[in-house]
Amino acid sequence: MEINRQVVGDKKVISIAGELDMGNVKELKAVFDEEVASGTRYIVIDMATLNYIDSSGIGAFIALMNKLRSLNGSVTLMKIQPEVMRIFQMTKLTAFFKIINDLSELGSSGSSSGGSASSGIQPL
């Protein structure tokens, strides 16, 4: 797994490449924790080159979503590969994450406005 970070406006884009599983999820959780601790509230996870995710990776995404939601922030998933998207669909997590194909689909802020899944993170 490879992780890269960049700032785009008021959002932090975290790109994940390769496979995300229990053997390397601690590295990603550390990145998430570091971002939240530094004040980042709007995170976009670029999954264009993430070709595998297991339950530990999904758990890391859910933990990040819950943490940011408690801080009035949001997490958005971007460019999900079909194999990985199937996992999110089977687990019905597509109802809880905002999913986009391109950063242009976000407004000037990554905040969610509630409502439908297309407008942001939904309460459990």
Protein backbone atom coordinates (compact mmCIF):
# COMPACT_ATOMS: atom_id res chain seq x y z
CA MET A 1 0.00 0.00 0.00
CA GLU A 2 1.14 3.51 -0.81
CA ILE A 3 -0.33 6.65 0.77
CA ASN A 4 0.05 10.19 -0.57
CA ARG A 5 -1.42 13.41 0.77
CA GLN A 6 -2.11 16.77 -0.83
CA VAL A 7 -4.11 19.88 0.04
CA VAL A 8 -6.79 21.00 -2.41
CA GLY A 9 -8.57 24.13 -1.19
CA ASP A 10 -9.95 23.42 2.28
CA LYS A 11 -9.76 19.66 1.78
CA LYS A 12 -7.02 17.13 2.33
CA VAL A 13 -6.85 14.50 -0.40
CA ILE A 14 -5.40 11.19 0.75
CA SER A 15 -4.59 8.83 -2.12
CA ILE A 16 -4.32 5.12 -1.36
CA ALA A 17 -2.75 2.73 -3.86
CA GLY A 18 -2.46 -1.06 -3.85
CA GLU A 19 -4.10 -3.26 -1.25
CA LEU A 20 -5.50 -2.18 2.11
CA ASP A 21 -5.74 -5.03 4.58
CA MET A 22 -5.06 -5.93 8.19
CA GLY A 23 -1.35 -6.16 7.45
CA ASN A 24 -1.04 -2.45 6.67
CA VAL A 25 -4.19 -0.75 8.00
CA LYS A 26 -2.31 0.61 11.05
CA GLU A 27 -0.27 2.81 8.72
CA LEU A 28 -3.44 4.31 7.24
CA LYS A 29 -5.05 4.78 10.66
CA ALA A 30 -1.93 6.65 11.78
CA VAL A 31 -2.27 8.99 8.77
CA PHE A 32 -5.95 9.56 9.56
CA ASP A 33 -5.19 10.24 13.24
CA GLU A 34 -2.40 12.66 12.29
CA GLU A 35 -4.70 14.58 9.95
CA VAL A 36 -7.50 14.88 12.50
CA ALA A 37 -5.06 15.91 15.24
CA SER A 38 -3.64 18.65 12.99
CA GLY A 39 -7.11 20.12 12.48
CA THR A 40 -8.11 18.60 9.13
CA ARG A 41 -11.91 18.32 8.99
CA TYR A 42 -12.62 17.59 5.31
CA ILE A 43 -10.89 14.52 3.88
CA VAL A 44 -11.28 13.11 0.40
CA ILE A 45 -9.95 9.57 0.00
CA ASP A 46 -8.78 9.02 -3.58
CA MET A 47 -9.20 5.31 -4.30
CA ALA A 48 -8.35 5.39 -8.02
CA THR A 49 -5.51 2.91 -7.55
CA LEU A 50 -6.81 1.00 -4.51
CA ASN A 51 -7.56 -2.45 -5.89
CA TYR A 52 -8.38 -4.37 -2.69
CA ILE A 53 -9.83 -3.59 0.73
CA ASP A 54 -10.74 -5.96 3.56
CA SER A 55 -12.91 -5.44 6.62
CA SER A 56 -10.09 -3.80 8.58
CA GLY A 57 -9.74 -1.15 5.88
CA ILE A 58 -13.48 -0.55 5.85
CA GLY A 59 -13.35 -0.26 9.64
CA ALA A 60 -10.68 2.44 9.34
CA PHE A 61 -12.90 4.41 6.94
CA ILE A 62 -15.91 4.09 9.28
CA ALA A 63 -13.84 5.19 12.29
CA LEU A 64 -12.61 8.23 10.34
CA MET A 65 -16.17 9.06 9.22
CA ASN A 66 -17.43 8.89 12.81
CA LYS A 67 -14.55 10.98 14.16
CA LEU A 68 -14.92 13.70 11.52
CA ARG A 69 -18.70 13.74 11.91
CA SER A 70 -18.26 14.36 15.65
CA LEU A 71 -16.08 17.36 14.72
CA ASN A 72 -18.55 18.69 12.12
CA GLY A 73 -16.31 17.48 9.29
CA SER A 74 -16.73 14.92 6.55
CA VAL A 75 -15.05 12.19 4.57
CA THR A 76 -15.68 11.68 0.87
CA LEU A 77 -14.62 8.67 -1.20
CA MET A 78 -13.45 9.34 -4.74
CA LYS A 79 -12.75 7.23 -7.85
CA ILE A 80 -13.61 3.86 -6.34
CA GLN A 81 -12.57 0.92 -8.50
CA PRO A 82 -15.39 -1.51 -9.45
CA GLU A 83 -14.00 -4.40 -7.36
CA VAL A 84 -13.81 -2.20 -4.27
CA MET A 85 -17.17 -0.54 -4.99
CA ARG A 86 -18.82 -3.98 -4.88
CA ILE A 87 -17.66 -4.35 -1.27
CA PHE A 88 -19.16 -0.97 -0.35
CA GLN A 89 -22.41 -1.88 -2.12
CA MET A 90 -22.68 -5.33 -0.50
CA THR A 91 -22.14 -3.82 2.95
CA LYS A 92 -24.57 -0.97 2.14
CA LEU A 93 -21.91 1.58 3.07
CA THR A 94 -22.70 3.55 -0.07
CA ALA A 95 -25.60 5.01 1.94
CA PHE A 96 -23.22 6.46 4.55
CA PHE A 97 -20.35 7.85 2.49
CA LYS A 98 -20.45 10.60 -0.09
CA ILE A 99 -18.93 9.04 -3.22
CA ILE A 100 -17.67 11.14 -6.13
CA ASN A 101 -15.76 10.62 -9.36
CA ASP A 102 -13.92 13.94 -9.39
CA LEU A 103 -13.09 16.80 -7.00
CA SER A 104 -15.18 19.15 -9.14
CA GLU A 105 -18.26 17.39 -7.72
CA LEU A 106 -17.56 18.99 -4.34
CA GLY A 107 -18.44 22.59 -3.55
CA SER A 108 -16.01 25.05 -2.03
CA SER A 109 -16.19 23.15 1.25
CA GLY A 110 -16.22 19.42 1.91
CA SER A 111 -18.88 19.77 4.55
CA SER A 112 -21.97 17.67 4.32
CA SER A 113 -25.44 19.14 4.45
CA GLY A 114 -27.22 15.98 5.54
CA GLY A 115 -30.19 14.65 3.61
CA SER A 116 -29.47 12.06 0.93
CA ALA A 117 -26.30 10.03 0.61
CA SER A 118 -25.29 12.17 -2.34
CA SER A 119 -25.17 15.25 -0.12
CA GLY A 120 -23.02 13.83 2.66
CA ILE A 121 -22.60 11.38 5.50
CA GLN A 122 -25.83 9.96 6.86
CA PRO A 123 -26.55 9.17 10.51
CA LEU A 124 -26.55 5.50 11.41
